């Protein structure tokens, strides 16, 4: 492996560990800083995972750079949108808590 490959591999591992740590911290002590960390780490982790899937399964040469650009744009947009959501709305942690606390409505009770 070349030096840049090893560095990238290590960076992926560090981001994975930091993502797990940020998720555990968010569950125990949610803060805006933790939400911002999640807004960066989760899309970055997902970006690298999808990049590997595309590398392994897209073999049409003209599509490779297009898909790469689209993935970068989508990742950047996702990070910006999550940071905005954290700053101007309830944040990632509270949104997940709210989703987990949604009560199922029995249709007979609506009647």
C-alpha atoms as a PDB file:
ATOM      1  CA  UNK A   1       0.000   0.000   0.000  1.00  0.00           C
ATOM      2  CA  UNK A   2       1.169   3.496  -0.746  1.00  0.00           C
ATOM      3  CA  UNK A   3       1.542   6.135   1.963  1.00  0.00           C
ATOM      4  CA  UNK A   4      -1.607   8.017   0.956  1.00  0.00           C
ATOM      5  CA  UNK A   5      -3.627   4.782   0.984  1.00  0.00           C
ATOM      6  CA  UNK A   6      -2.458   3.969   4.505  1.00  0.00           C
ATOM      7  CA  UNK A   7      -3.212   7.518   5.649  1.00  0.00           C
ATOM      8  CA  UNK A   8      -6.702   7.366   4.117  1.00  0.00           C
ATOM      9  CA  UNK A   9      -7.324   3.949   5.697  1.00  0.00           C
ATOM     10  CA  UNK A  10      -6.288   5.305   9.106  1.00  0.00           C
ATOM     11  CA  UNK A  11      -8.493   8.379   8.632  1.00  0.00           C
ATOM     12  CA  UNK A  12     -11.477   6.132   7.861  1.00  0.00           C
ATOM     13  CA  UNK A  13     -10.853   4.164  11.059  1.00  0.00           C
ATOM     14  CA  UNK A  14     -10.503   7.325  13.153  1.00  0.00           C
ATOM     15  CA  UNK A  15     -13.725   8.743  11.727  1.00  0.00           C
ATOM     16  CA  UNK A  16     -15.507   5.457  12.482  1.00  0.00           C
ATOM     17  CA  UNK A  17     -14.308   5.491  16.087  1.00  0.00           C
ATOM     18  CA  UNK A  18     -15.165   9.167  16.503  1.00  0.00           C
ATOM     19  CA  UNK A  19     -18.634   8.567  15.037  1.00  0.00           C
ATOM     20  CA  UNK A  20     -19.363   5.827  17.553  1.00  0.00           C
ATOM     21  CA  UNK A  21     -18.033   8.017  20.357  1.00  0.00           C
ATOM     22  CA  UNK A  22     -20.140  10.978  19.235  1.00  0.00           C
ATOM     23  CA  UNK A  23     -23.257   8.802  19.077  1.00  0.00           C
ATOM     24  CA  UNK A  24     -22.664   7.484  22.593  1.00  0.00           C
ATOM     25  CA  UNK A  25     -21.983  10.996  23.873  1.00  0.00           C
ATOM     26  CA  UNK A  26     -25.156  12.271  22.206  1.00  0.00           C
ATOM     27  CA  UNK A  27     -27.155   9.589  24.013  1.00  0.00           C
ATOM     28  CA  UNK A  28     -25.689  10.475  27.417  1.00  0.00           C
ATOM     29  CA  UNK A  29     -24.924  14.198  27.210  1.00  0.00           C
ATOM     30  CA  UNK A  30     -26.361  15.868  24.090  1.00  0.00           C
ATOM     31  CA  UNK A  31     -24.895  19.262  23.219  1.00  0.00           C
ATOM     32  CA  UNK A  32     -24.695  21.461  20.159  1.00  0.00           C
ATOM     33  CA  UNK A  33     -21.020  20.533  19.782  1.00  0.00           C
ATOM     34  CA  UNK A  34     -21.884  16.824  19.677  1.00  0.00           C
ATOM     35  CA  UNK A  35     -24.624  17.489  17.116  1.00  0.00           C
ATOM     36  CA  UNK A  36     -22.141  19.438  14.982  1.00  0.00           C
ATOM     37  CA  UNK A  37     -19.629  16.588  15.241  1.00  0.00           C
ATOM     38  CA  UNK A  38     -22.328  14.159  14.079  1.00  0.00           C
ATOM     39  CA  UNK A  39     -23.241  16.528  11.230  1.00  0.00           C
ATOM     40  CA  UNK A  40     -19.686  16.204   9.917  1.00  0.00           C
ATOM     41  CA  UNK A  41     -18.750  12.634  10.888  1.00  0.00           C
ATOM     42  CA  UNK A  42     -21.839  10.723   9.731  1.00  0.00           C
ATOM     43  CA  UNK A  43     -21.906  12.155   6.172  1.00  0.00           C
ATOM     44  CA  UNK A  44     -18.118  11.751   5.891  1.00  0.00           C
ATOM     45  CA  UNK A  45     -18.312   8.128   7.020  1.00  0.00           C
ATOM     46  CA  UNK A  46     -21.195   7.505   4.607  1.00  0.00           C
ATOM     47  CA  UNK A  47     -19.331   9.260   1.781  1.00  0.00           C
ATOM     48  CA  UNK A  48     -16.304   7.006   2.129  1.00  0.00           C
ATOM     49  CA  UNK A  49     -18.493   3.912   2.292  1.00  0.00           C
ATOM     50  CA  UNK A  50     -20.453   4.839  -0.827  1.00  0.00           C
ATOM     51  CA  UNK A  51     -17.229   5.797  -2.583  1.00  0.00           C
ATOM     52  CA  UNK A  52     -15.974   2.231  -2.072  1.00  0.00           C
ATOM     53  CA  UNK A  53     -19.251   0.746  -3.297  1.00  0.00           C
ATOM     54  CA  UNK A  54     -19.077   2.888  -6.445  1.00  0.00           C
ATOM     55  CA  UNK A  55     -15.408   2.007  -6.961  1.00  0.00           C
ATOM     56  CA  UNK A  56     -16.206  -1.694  -6.701  1.00  0.00           C
ATOM     57  CA  UNK A  57     -19.363  -1.764  -8.815  1.00  0.00           C
ATOM     58  CA  UNK A  58     -19.293   1.057 -11.380  1.00  0.00           C
ATOM     59  CA  UNK A  59     -17.211  -0.061 -14.332  1.00  0.00           C
ATOM     60  CA  UNK A  60     -18.478   2.314 -17.020  1.00  0.00           C
ATOM     61  CA  UNK A  61     -15.559   4.727 -17.433  1.00  0.00           C
ATOM     62  CA  UNK A  62     -17.535   7.883 -18.352  1.00  0.00           C
ATOM     63  CA  UNK A  63     -19.787   7.473 -15.290  1.00  0.00           C
ATOM     64  CA  UNK A  64     -16.991   7.257 -12.721  1.00  0.00           C
ATOM     65  CA  UNK A  65     -16.099  10.989 -12.574  1.00  0.00           C
ATOM     66  CA  UNK A  66     -19.755  12.034 -12.777  1.00  0.00           C
ATOM     67  CA  UNK A  67     -20.743   9.785  -9.883  1.00  0.00           C
ATOM     68  CA  UNK A  68     -17.731  11.013  -7.901  1.00  0.00           C
ATOM     69  CA  UNK A  69     -18.734  14.647  -8.361  1.00  0.00           C
ATOM     70  CA  UNK A  70     -22.378  13.937  -7.509  1.00  0.00           C
ATOM     71  CA  UNK A  71     -21.330  12.086  -4.350  1.00  0.00           C
ATOM     72  CA  UNK A  72     -19.120  14.997  -3.259  1.00  0.00           C
ATOM     73  CA  UNK A  73     -21.905  17.506  -3.887  1.00  0.00           C
ATOM     74  CA  UNK A  74     -24.435  15.355  -2.009  1.00  0.00           C
ATOM     75  CA  UNK A  75     -22.051  14.873   0.926  1.00  0.00           C
ATOM     76  CA  UNK A  76     -21.298  18.592   1.123  1.00  0.00           C
ATOM     77  CA  UNK A  77     -24.977  19.491   0.903  1.00  0.00           C
ATOM     78  CA  UNK A  78     -25.822  16.961   3.623  1.00  0.00           C
ATOM     79  CA  UNK A  79     -23.177  18.362   5.977  1.00  0.00           C
ATOM     80  CA  UNK A  80     -24.349  21.938   5.415  1.00  0.00           C
ATOM     81  CA  UNK A  81     -28.014  20.975   5.837  1.00  0.00           C
ATOM     82  CA  UNK A  82     -27.318  19.101   9.090  1.00  0.00           C
ATOM     83  CA  UNK A  83     -25.234  21.970  10.472  1.00  0.00           C
ATOM     84  CA  UNK A  84     -28.059  24.367   9.585  1.00  0.00           C
ATOM     85  CA  UNK A  85     -30.589  22.023  11.215  1.00  0.00           C
ATOM     86  CA  UNK A  86     -28.466  21.914  14.363  1.00  0.00           C
ATOM     87  CA  UNK A  87     -28.056  25.668  14.523  1.00  0.00           C
ATOM     88  CA  UNK A  88     -31.575  26.779  13.579  1.00  0.00           C
ATOM     89  CA  UNK A  89     -33.834  23.923  14.669  1.00  0.00           C
ATOM     90  CA  UNK A  90     -33.875  21.177  17.298  1.00  0.00           C
ATOM     91  CA  UNK A  91     -30.670  19.413  16.243  1.00  0.00           C
ATOM     92  CA  UNK A  92     -29.844  15.851  15.289  1.00  0.00           C
ATOM     93  CA  UNK A  93     -29.927  14.367  18.794  1.00  0.00           C
ATOM     94  CA  UNK A  94     -33.310  15.831  19.700  1.00  0.00           C
ATOM     95  CA  UNK A  95     -34.746  14.846  16.312  1.00  0.00           C
ATOM     96  CA  UNK A  96     -33.689  11.226  16.858  1.00  0.00           C
ATOM     97  CA  UNK A  97     -35.174  11.287  20.371  1.00  0.00           C
ATOM     98  CA  UNK A  98     -38.437  12.695  19.005  1.00  0.00           C
ATOM     99  CA  UNK A  99     -38.635   9.999  16.326  1.00  0.00           C
ATOM    100  CA  UNK A 100     -38.001   7.291  18.919  1.00  0.00           C
ATOM    101  CA  UNK A 101     -40.807   8.704  21.096  1.00  0.00           C
ATOM    102  CA  UNK A 102     -43.485   8.769  18.395  1.00  0.00           C
ATOM    103  CA  UNK A 103     -46.481   6.877  19.682  1.00  0.00           C
ATOM    104  CA  UNK A 104     -48.335   4.547  17.396  1.00  0.00           C
ATOM    105  CA  UNK A 105     -51.940   5.645  16.990  1.00  0.00           C
ATOM    106  CA  UNK A 106     -54.574   2.936  17.062  1.00  0.00           C
ATOM    107  CA  UNK A 107     -56.968   3.596  14.119  1.00  0.00           C
ATOM    108  CA  UNK A 108     -59.959   2.677  16.314  1.00  0.00           C
ATOM    109  CA  UNK A 109     -59.133   5.572  18.650  1.00  0.00           C
ATOM    110  CA  UNK A 110     -59.395   8.048  15.789  1.00  0.00           C
ATOM    111  CA  UNK A 111     -62.945   6.984  14.968  1.00  0.00           C
END
